[in-house]
Amino acid sequence: MDLGALNQIAEKMVAPGKGLLAADESTGTIKKRFDTIGLESTDVSRRDYREMLFRADEAMRDHISGVILFEETLYQNAADANATPLVALIERAGAVPGIKVDKGTVDLAGFGKEPITEGLDGLGARLDKDRERGARFAKWRAVIDIGQGVPSWGAIKANAHALARYAAICQAHDIVPIVEPEVLMDGDHGIDRCEEVTRLTLKTVFAELFEQHVALEGMVLKPNMVLSGAASGIDDTVEVVAERTLAVLKDCVPTSVAGIAFLSGGQDDEEATARLDAMHRMGPLPWKLTFSYGRALQTAALKAWGGKRENVAAGQRAFTHRARMNGLASLGKWEDKLEKAA
């Protein structure tokens, strides 16, 4: 493991004013996205959509530090005459290519419907292949659900251990791990319950990372924000979400972590931006704090593009706007009035 090189990549991933584009939707997930615009999901349409994003020069150059890719996308080529690898478009923009390596979730045996993430078998060999193609970081998502009687301690522990094993394998193969323990925002729970579960999850994850000898300087944390469940009917203010999230992070995340890049978790585009901005306005932070958004960066672009070649420029403008807004938020310089400039 070359910790110096890993830290250099991790620092680039959380560079001030930039953040990560999560373009790693599985085939099933992106089909659902395409269904909203009446577009059939094929290898060609998926390529065209992602190529549209990666060729948005201003967004990629000025506001995106890295891109998380689905395996299919990492090995796809662009539609140009030279069949340029999509990963090369990302590199040309100065961003870092990465790869989602988990294999999704199944029910954790003995725990009812609580999920566990799979994908550790053969991971080292897959990472070597992905690195040869251009990937310099990886992502693994653990899912923690809140509901009646869940999450259980056993499920949290199992997912934290898997995350730590994944991270250790990544670093052994000179790949920066994004560690993503997502406490889902689904459910009718309040913000207190989300804070309780997020705190326990993060403390458990970092205990496991320590036991598996993961170098925190060579990783990026991708957590959820602390907020009430989507079905609770509670509309937490921007300030409350920012305060409660920072309180948990300061209690649970060592300062040696290279950086933190939030997932959006189904938040409204502007909500995710405003809440990130508010955290930066609450005083100096002990780590670099930015975004790693999927839907919150792409929803407007997908709608503007609509699967039509003549709308590529419109899709890129929408993507660039959202990337710029979140770049400003990662500096504490976003303002609501800037949204109207789209």
Protein backbone atom coordinates (compact mmCIF):
# COMPACT_ATOMS: atom_id res chain seq x y z
CA MET A 1 0.00 0.00 0.00
CA ASP A 2 1.31 3.42 -1.01
CA LEU A 3 -0.41 5.62 1.58
CA GLY A 4 1.07 8.81 0.15
CA ALA A 5 -0.43 8.12 -3.26
CA LEU A 6 -3.77 7.10 -1.73
CA ASN A 7 -3.90 10.28 0.32
CA GLN A 8 -3.10 12.39 -2.74
CA ILE A 9 -6.04 10.88 -4.63
CA ALA A 10 -8.37 11.18 -1.64
CA GLU A 11 -7.44 14.83 -1.20
CA LYS A 12 -8.16 15.48 -4.88
CA MET A 13 -11.57 13.84 -4.49
CA VAL A 14 -12.55 16.38 -1.82
CA ALA A 15 -10.84 19.41 -3.36
CA PRO A 16 -12.40 22.75 -2.28
CA GLY A 17 -15.27 23.83 -4.51
CA LYS A 18 -15.66 20.42 -6.09
CA GLY A 19 -17.45 17.17 -5.35
CA LEU A 20 -18.21 13.72 -6.69
CA LEU A 21 -20.74 12.80 -9.35
CA ALA A 22 -22.38 9.49 -8.42
CA ALA A 23 -23.09 8.05 -11.88
CA ASP A 24 -23.02 4.45 -10.65
CA GLU A 25 -26.70 3.56 -10.92
CA SER A 26 -27.22 -0.15 -11.48
CA THR A 27 -28.97 -1.33 -14.62
CA GLY A 28 -32.21 -1.71 -12.69
CA THR A 29 -31.99 1.70 -11.06
CA ILE A 30 -31.20 3.63 -14.22
CA LYS A 31 -34.10 1.89 -15.95
CA LYS A 32 -36.38 3.46 -13.34
CA ARG A 33 -34.81 6.85 -14.05
CA PHE A 34 -35.26 6.41 -17.81
CA ASP A 35 -38.86 5.30 -17.31
CA THR A 36 -39.62 8.82 -16.04
CA ILE A 37 -38.71 10.26 -19.45
CA GLY A 38 -40.10 7.40 -21.52
CA LEU A 39 -36.69 6.17 -22.67
CA GLU A 40 -35.78 2.50 -23.08
CA SER A 41 -32.73 1.51 -21.05
CA THR A 42 -30.16 -0.10 -23.34
CA ASP A 43 -26.39 -0.18 -23.31
CA VAL A 44 -26.44 2.53 -25.99
CA SER A 45 -28.90 4.85 -24.21
CA ARG A 46 -27.03 4.45 -20.92
CA ARG A 47 -23.77 5.28 -22.69
CA ASP A 48 -25.27 8.30 -24.42
CA TYR A 49 -26.66 9.66 -21.16
CA ARG A 50 -23.42 9.36 -19.26
CA GLU A 51 -21.37 10.64 -22.18
CA MET A 52 -23.62 13.71 -22.23
CA LEU A 53 -22.72 14.37 -18.59
CA PHE A 54 -19.00 13.69 -18.96
CA ARG A 55 -18.74 16.05 -21.95
CA ALA A 56 -20.23 18.96 -19.98
CA ASP A 57 -16.85 20.66 -19.95
CA GLU A 58 -17.49 23.49 -17.48
CA ALA A 59 -19.17 21.24 -14.92
CA MET A 60 -16.56 18.52 -15.10
CA ARG A 61 -13.58 20.87 -15.15
CA ASP A 62 -14.65 23.35 -12.50
CA HIS A 63 -17.01 21.56 -10.11
CA ILE A 64 -16.55 17.77 -10.32
CA SER A 65 -13.54 16.16 -8.64
CA GLY A 66 -14.38 12.55 -9.44
CA VAL A 67 -17.02 10.27 -10.92
CA ILE A 68 -18.30 7.01 -9.44
CA LEU A 69 -19.01 4.63 -12.30
CA PHE A 70 -21.03 1.46 -12.72
CA GLU A 71 -18.91 -1.42 -14.04
CA GLU A 72 -20.56 -1.25 -17.46
CA THR A 73 -19.68 2.44 -17.83
CA LEU A 74 -16.04 1.98 -16.83
CA TYR A 75 -15.56 -0.33 -19.81
CA GLN A 76 -17.71 1.55 -22.33
CA ASN A 77 -16.41 3.74 -25.15
CA ALA A 78 -17.86 7.02 -26.37
CA ALA A 79 -19.82 7.31 -29.61
CA ASP A 80 -17.10 9.33 -31.38
CA ALA A 81 -15.08 8.05 -34.32
CA ASN A 82 -12.12 7.22 -32.08
CA ALA A 83 -14.26 5.19 -29.64
CA THR A 84 -12.74 7.17 -26.78
CA PRO A 85 -13.11 5.32 -23.47
CA LEU A 86 -15.61 7.13 -21.25
CA VAL A 87 -13.07 6.98 -18.46
CA ALA A 88 -10.72 9.04 -20.66
CA LEU A 89 -13.32 11.82 -20.92
CA ILE A 90 -13.34 12.03 -17.12
CA GLU A 91 -9.54 12.11 -16.92
CA ARG A 92 -9.29 14.81 -19.60
CA ALA A 93 -11.51 17.03 -17.49
CA GLY A 94 -9.12 16.62 -14.57
CA ALA A 95 -11.49 14.45 -12.53
CA VAL A 96 -10.72 11.09 -10.94
CA PRO A 97 -12.54 7.98 -12.20
CA GLY A 98 -13.90 5.52 -9.64
CA ILE A 99 -15.92 2.32 -9.61
CA LYS A 100 -18.80 0.91 -7.59
CA VAL A 101 -17.67 -2.56 -6.52
CA ASP A 102 -20.38 -3.86 -4.20
CA LYS A 103 -22.85 -6.38 -5.61
CA GLY A 104 -25.97 -5.01 -3.93
CA THR A 105 -27.84 -6.24 -0.90
CA VAL A 106 -29.57 -9.43 0.21
CA ASP A 107 -31.43 -10.25 3.41
CA LEU A 108 -29.01 -10.91 6.25
CA ALA A 109 -29.54 -14.53 7.26
CA GLY A 110 -31.12 -14.77 10.69
CA PHE A 111 -32.21 -11.13 10.74
CA GLY A 112 -35.45 -11.08 8.78
CA LYS A 113 -35.49 -8.37 6.13
CA GLU A 114 -32.44 -6.42 7.29
CA PRO A 115 -29.98 -6.03 4.39
CA ILE A 116 -26.32 -6.96 4.07
CA THR A 117 -24.12 -5.91 1.15
CA GLU A 118 -22.34 -8.59 -0.88
CA GLY A 119 -19.26 -8.47 -3.11
CA LEU A 120 -16.13 -9.32 -1.11
CA ASP A 121 -15.40 -12.57 -2.98
CA GLY A 122 -12.83 -11.96 -5.69
CA LEU A 123 -12.72 -8.23 -4.93
CA GLY A 124 -8.93 -7.91 -5.10
CA ALA A 125 -8.74 -9.33 -8.62
CA ARG A 126 -11.60 -7.11 -9.78
CA LEU A 127 -9.89 -4.04 -8.34
CA ASP A 128 -6.67 -4.83 -10.20
CA LYS A 129 -8.58 -5.07 -13.46
CA ASP A 130 -10.52 -1.86 -12.78
CA ARG A 131 -7.36 -0.01 -11.84
CA GLU A 132 -5.75 -1.03 -15.12
CA ARG A 133 -8.76 0.51 -16.90
CA GLY A 134 -8.31 3.78 -15.00
CA ALA A 135 -10.24 3.56 -11.72
CA ARG A 136 -8.42 5.13 -8.80
CA PHE A 137 -11.08 4.83 -6.13
CA ALA A 138 -13.97 2.52 -5.32
CA LYS A 139 -17.32 2.68 -3.54
CA TRP A 140 -19.18 0.21 -1.33
CA ARG A 141 -22.64 1.04 0.05
CA ALA A 142 -23.98 -0.48 3.24
CA VAL A 143 -27.70 0.03 3.88
CA ILE A 144 -29.09 0.60 7.37
CA ASP A 145 -32.88 0.74 7.58
CA ILE A 146 -34.90 2.35 10.36
CA GLY A 147 -38.22 0.77 11.30
CA GLN A 148 -40.07 -1.17 13.94
CA GLY A 149 -37.36 -3.05 15.85
CA VAL A 150 -34.63 -2.25 13.34
CA PRO A 151 -31.82 -1.77 12.85
CA SER A 152 -30.51 -4.52 15.08
CA TRP A 153 -27.03 -4.40 16.53
CA GLY A 154 -26.12 -7.56 14.62
CA ALA A 155 -27.04 -5.99 11.27
CA ILE A 156 -25.08 -2.81 11.99
CA LYS A 157 -22.07 -4.85 13.10
CA ALA A 158 -22.18 -7.14 10.04
CA ASN A 159 -22.42 -4.24 7.60
CA ALA A 160 -19.67 -2.29 9.35
CA HIS A 161 -17.37 -5.30 9.23
CA ALA A 162 -18.01 -5.81 5.51
CA LEU A 163 -17.30 -2.12 4.85
CA ALA A 164 -14.02 -2.37 6.73
CA ARG A 165 -12.92 -5.53 4.91
CA TYR A 166 -13.74 -3.87 1.58
CA ALA A 167 -11.75 -0.76 2.55
CA ALA A 168 -8.73 -2.79 3.62
CA ILE A 169 -8.76 -4.77 0.35
CA CYS A 170 -9.00 -1.54 -1.65
CA GLN A 171 -6.00 0.01 0.04
CA ALA A 172 -3.99 -3.20 -0.37
CA HIS A 173 -4.58 -2.83 -4.11
CA ASP A 174 -3.79 0.93 -4.17
CA ILE A 175 -7.40 2.00 -4.58
CA VAL A 176 -8.96 4.70 -2.37
CA PRO A 177 -12.11 3.36 -0.69
CA ILE A 178 -15.26 5.43 -0.33
CA VAL A 179 -16.89 4.06 2.80
CA GLU A 180 -20.66 4.55 2.54
CA PRO A 181 -22.81 3.55 5.53
CA GLU A 182 -26.21 4.90 4.49
CA VAL A 183 -28.91 5.23 7.11
CA LEU A 184 -31.96 5.41 4.86
CA MET A 185 -34.27 8.42 5.01
CA ASP A 186 -37.30 6.22 4.31
CA GLY A 187 -39.74 5.71 7.18
CA ASP A 188 -41.76 7.78 9.62
CA HIS A 189 -39.08 8.25 12.27
CA GLY A 190 -38.07 11.64 13.60
CA ILE A 191 -34.68 13.31 13.53
CA ASP A 192 -33.80 12.07 17.03
CA ARG A 193 -34.07 8.45 15.90
CA CYS A 194 -32.02 9.15 12.78
CA GLU A 195 -29.33 10.77 14.91
CA GLU A 196 -29.27 7.82 17.29
CA VAL A 197 -28.90 5.24 14.51
CA THR A 198 -26.39 7.30 12.51
CA ARG A 199 -24.23 7.83 15.58
CA LEU A 200 -24.19 4.13 16.46
CA THR A 201 -23.53 3.15 12.84
CA LEU A 202 -20.59 5.53 12.40
CA LYS A 203 -18.99 4.58 15.73
CA THR A 204 -19.26 0.91 14.78
CA VAL A 205 -17.85 1.52 11.29
CA PHE A 206 -14.79 3.34 12.60
CA ALA A 207 -14.18 0.69 15.24
CA GLU A 208 -14.18 -1.93 12.48
CA LEU A 209 -11.94 0.20 10.24
CA PHE A 210 -9.44 0.41 13.10
CA GLU A 211 -9.52 -3.34 13.65
CA GLN A 212 -8.95 -3.98 9.94
CA HIS A 213 -5.95 -1.61 9.83
CA VAL A 214 -7.53 0.81 7.36
CA ALA A 215 -5.53 4.05 6.96
CA LEU A 216 -8.03 6.85 7.47
CA GLU A 217 -5.87 9.32 5.53
CA GLY A 218 -6.42 7.20 2.45
CA MET A 219 -10.22 6.96 2.48
CA VAL A 220 -13.30 9.13 2.02
CA LEU A 221 -16.46 8.78 4.11
CA LYS A 222 -19.84 9.02 2.36
CA PRO A 223 -22.53 9.35 5.05
CA ASN A 224 -26.17 10.38 5.14
CA MET A 225 -27.29 13.67 6.63
CA VAL A 226 -29.24 13.51 9.90
CA LEU A 227 -32.90 14.26 9.21
CA SER A 228 -36.42 13.02 9.79
CA GLY A 229 -37.81 10.15 7.72
CA ALA A 230 -39.48 10.96 4.43
CA ALA A 231 -42.80 9.54 5.66
CA SER A 232 -42.74 11.39 8.99
CA GLY A 233 -44.41 14.53 7.70
CA ILE A 234 -41.73 16.55 9.49
CA ASP A 235 -39.96 19.23 7.48
CA ASP A 236 -36.68 19.83 9.28
CA THR A 237 -35.18 23.25 8.72
CA VAL A 238 -31.90 23.63 6.89
CA GLU A 239 -30.21 24.83 10.08
CA VAL A 240 -31.47 21.95 12.21
CA VAL A 241 -30.27 19.32 9.71
CA ALA A 242 -26.89 21.02 9.45
CA GLU A 243 -26.48 21.33 13.23
CA ARG A 244 -27.54 17.77 14.02
CA THR A 245 -25.42 16.30 11.22
CA LEU A 246 -22.29 18.17 12.25
CA ALA A 247 -22.79 17.20 15.89
CA VAL A 248 -22.83 13.51 14.96
CA LEU A 249 -19.85 13.79 12.61
CA LYS A 250 -17.73 15.66 15.14
CA ASP A 251 -18.51 12.99 17.72
CA CYS A 252 -17.84 10.01 15.46
CA VAL A 253 -15.42 10.83 12.62
CA PRO A 254 -11.68 11.11 13.36
CA THR A 255 -9.99 14.22 12.02
CA SER A 256 -7.47 12.08 10.14
CA VAL A 257 -10.13 11.05 7.59
CA ALA A 258 -9.19 12.65 4.26
CA GLY A 259 -12.67 14.01 3.69
CA ILE A 260 -16.43 13.55 3.88
CA ALA A 261 -18.68 13.56 0.80
CA PHE A 262 -22.40 13.44 1.58
CA LEU A 263 -24.89 11.28 -0.27
CA SER A 264 -28.14 13.02 -1.15
CA GLY A 265 -30.33 10.05 -0.26
CA GLY A 266 -33.39 11.21 -2.15
CA GLN A 267 -33.37 14.79 -0.85
CA ASP A 268 -34.73 17.49 -3.09
CA ASP A 269 -32.00 19.03 -5.27
CA GLU A 270 -32.01 22.42 -3.56
CA GLU A 271 -32.44 20.96 -0.08
CA ALA A 272 -29.27 18.89 -0.48
CA THR A 273 -27.41 21.99 -1.67
CA ALA A 274 -28.72 24.31 1.04
CA ARG A 275 -27.95 21.88 3.85
CA LEU A 276 -24.38 21.35 2.67
CA ASP A 277 -23.92 25.11 2.41
CA ALA A 278 -25.28 25.64 5.94
CA MET A 279 -22.73 23.26 7.43
CA HIS A 280 -19.90 25.30 5.94
CA ARG A 281 -21.33 28.46 7.47
CA MET A 282 -21.22 26.98 10.99
CA GLY A 283 -17.58 27.61 11.66
CA PRO A 284 -14.32 25.86 10.79
CA LEU A 285 -14.64 22.13 10.17
CA PRO A 286 -12.07 19.47 11.13
CA TRP A 287 -12.26 17.71 7.73
CA LYS A 288 -13.00 18.67 4.15
CA LEU A 289 -16.74 18.44 3.55
CA THR A 290 -18.32 18.13 0.12
CA PHE A 291 -20.93 16.27 -1.93
CA SER A 292 -21.23 12.91 -3.66
CA TYR A 293 -24.65 13.28 -5.23
CA GLY A 294 -26.50 11.20 -7.79
CA ARG A 295 -30.11 12.27 -8.21
CA ALA A 296 -29.44 15.71 -6.70
CA LEU A 297 -27.00 16.41 -9.54
CA GLN A 298 -28.72 14.53 -12.34
CA THR A 299 -32.51 14.86 -12.07
CA ALA A 300 -32.74 18.22 -13.82
CA ALA A 301 -30.22 17.15 -16.48
CA LEU A 302 -32.08 13.92 -17.21
CA LYS A 303 -35.36 15.77 -17.63
CA ALA A 304 -33.82 18.45 -19.88
CA TRP A 305 -32.07 15.85 -22.03
CA GLY A 306 -35.08 13.57 -22.36
CA GLY A 307 -33.10 11.01 -24.35
CA LYS A 308 -32.97 13.25 -27.43
CA ARG A 309 -29.78 14.18 -29.26
CA GLU A 310 -31.03 17.71 -29.94
CA ASN A 311 -31.37 18.26 -26.18
CA VAL A 312 -27.79 17.36 -25.24
CA ALA A 313 -26.80 21.01 -24.73
CA ALA A 314 -29.88 21.63 -22.55
CA GLY A 315 -29.05 18.59 -20.43
CA GLN A 316 -25.47 19.76 -20.03
CA ARG A 317 -26.59 23.25 -18.98
CA ALA A 318 -28.87 21.78 -16.31
CA PHE A 319 -26.08 19.53 -15.04
CA THR A 320 -23.58 22.38 -15.02
CA HIS A 321 -25.93 24.55 -13.00
CA ARG A 322 -26.46 21.93 -10.32
CA ALA A 323 -22.73 21.15 -10.20
CA ARG A 324 -21.95 24.84 -9.80
CA MET A 325 -24.55 25.29 -7.05
CA ASN A 326 -23.11 22.39 -5.08
CA GLY A 327 -19.57 23.55 -5.69
CA LEU A 328 -20.52 26.89 -4.13
CA ALA A 329 -22.24 25.08 -1.25
CA SER A 330 -19.07 23.13 -0.55
CA LEU A 331 -17.41 26.50 0.08
CA GLY A 332 -20.31 28.01 2.06
CA LYS A 333 -20.96 30.48 -0.78
CA TRP A 334 -24.30 29.27 -2.13
CA GLU A 335 -27.29 31.63 -2.10
CA ASP A 336 -30.91 30.82 -2.88
CA LYS A 337 -31.10 33.66 -5.42
CA LEU A 338 -28.40 31.94 -7.51
CA GLU A 339 -30.84 29.11 -8.24
CA LYS A 340 -32.95 31.48 -10.32
CA ALA A 341 -30.04 32.05 -12.68
CA ALA A 342 -30.45 28.60 -14.22
